[in-house]
Protein backbone atom coordinates (compact mmCIF):
# COMPACT_ATOMS: atom_id res chain seq x y z
CA UNK A 1 -5.74 1.69 -10.36
CA UNK A 2 -7.60 -0.64 -7.98
CA UNK A 3 -6.03 -3.72 -6.42
CA UNK A 4 -7.96 -6.39 -4.50
CA UNK A 5 -6.17 -8.51 -1.96
CA UNK A 6 -5.65 -9.67 1.58
CA UNK A 7 -3.48 -7.82 4.07
CA UNK A 8 -0.58 -10.07 5.02
CA UNK A 9 1.25 -7.57 7.18
CA UNK A 10 0.62 -4.03 8.37
CA UNK A 11 2.99 -1.62 10.09
CA UNK A 12 2.12 1.87 11.34
CA UNK A 13 4.74 4.56 11.83
CA UNK A 14 3.16 7.31 13.93
CA UNK A 15 6.21 9.59 13.66
CA UNK A 16 6.21 9.54 9.84
CA UNK A 17 2.40 9.30 9.74
CA UNK A 18 2.34 6.36 7.35
CA UNK A 19 0.89 2.86 7.23
CA UNK A 20 2.82 0.26 5.26
CA UNK A 21 0.85 -2.73 3.97
CA UNK A 22 1.88 -5.97 2.32
CA UNK A 23 -1.08 -6.93 0.17
CA UNK A 24 -1.45 -10.41 -1.36
CA UNK A 25 -3.48 -10.13 -4.57
CA UNK A 26 -6.33 -12.50 -5.41
CA UNK A 27 -4.97 -13.49 -8.82
CA UNK A 28 -4.26 -17.11 -9.83
CA UNK A 29 -0.57 -16.39 -9.21
CA UNK A 30 -0.68 -13.99 -6.24
CA UNK A 31 1.59 -10.97 -6.05
CA UNK A 32 2.94 -9.53 -2.81
CA UNK A 33 2.71 -5.76 -3.08
CA UNK A 34 4.12 -3.16 -0.71
CA UNK A 35 1.65 -0.27 -0.46
CA UNK A 36 2.13 2.96 1.50
CA UNK A 37 -0.75 5.01 2.92
CA UNK A 38 0.02 8.55 4.13
CA UNK A 39 -2.04 9.71 7.10
CA UNK A 40 -2.64 13.40 6.56
CA UNK A 41 -4.88 15.93 8.29
CA UNK A 42 -8.50 15.13 7.53
CA UNK A 43 -7.67 11.55 6.48
CA UNK A 44 -7.99 8.52 8.68
CA UNK A 45 -6.91 4.96 8.09
CA UNK A 46 -9.81 2.48 8.06
CA UNK A 47 -10.09 -0.10 10.83
CA UNK A 48 -8.51 -3.07 9.06
CA UNK A 49 -6.01 -5.66 10.21
CA UNK A 50 -3.93 -8.56 8.91
CA UNK A 51 -6.12 -11.13 7.16
CA UNK A 52 -8.74 -8.60 6.02
CA UNK A 53 -9.61 -8.39 2.33
CA UNK A 54 -9.52 -4.87 0.91
CA UNK A 55 -9.66 -2.86 -2.28
CA UNK A 56 -6.75 -0.43 -2.47
CA UNK A 57 -7.03 2.48 -4.87
CA UNK A 58 -3.39 3.28 -5.66
CA UNK A 59 -1.16 5.40 -7.82
CA UNK A 60 2.26 4.38 -9.04
CA UNK A 61 5.06 6.74 -8.06
CA UNK A 62 8.61 6.60 -9.45
CA UNK A 63 11.71 8.61 -8.64
CA UNK A 64 15.37 8.85 -9.49
CA UNK A 65 18.19 9.17 -6.95
CA UNK A 66 21.84 9.91 -7.67
CA UNK A 67 24.36 8.68 -5.10
CA UNK A 68 26.38 11.78 -4.13
CA UNK A 69 29.51 9.71 -3.50
CA UNK A 70 29.59 7.46 -6.56
CA UNK A 71 27.36 9.34 -9.01
CA UNK A 72 25.44 6.10 -9.63
CA UNK A 73 21.81 6.63 -10.61
CA UNK A 74 19.16 4.42 -9.03
CA UNK A 75 15.44 4.26 -9.72
CA UNK A 76 12.67 3.47 -7.23
CA UNK A 77 8.96 2.78 -7.65
CA UNK A 78 6.26 2.64 -5.02
CA UNK A 79 2.52 2.17 -4.76
CA UNK A 80 0.82 4.96 -2.84
CA UNK A 81 -2.70 4.24 -1.55
CA UNK A 82 -5.23 6.99 -2.11
CA UNK A 83 -8.11 5.02 -0.63
CA UNK A 84 -8.57 1.72 1.25
CA UNK A 85 -11.94 -0.03 1.33
CA UNK A 86 -12.64 -3.00 3.62
CA UNK A 87 -14.48 -5.88 1.93
CA UNK A 88 -16.90 -7.53 4.33
CA UNK A 89 -17.02 -11.34 4.19
CA UNK A 90 -20.76 -11.49 3.48
CA UNK A 91 -20.51 -8.87 0.71
CA UNK A 92 -20.58 -10.64 -2.66
CA UNK A 93 -19.78 -7.48 -4.67
């Protein structure tokens, strides 16, 4: 799935080797999406910053967690970025 939007906030965690983005979509009613990018060997994060427009190629990931104390089951979903492409301002496509 591809999502187009502007980076509102970006946080890098060197220890965990992840970049967390808040992406504001370009839809009529914008969505604020939290997207995680894992920095692995052979992969680099593109030189983008807050305010840049990007295309994020993502996959949806879901998991279940059972609280060991209460037995309550909780469900979590996240968007994992496979690829981030910077959109240059003068690029109409």
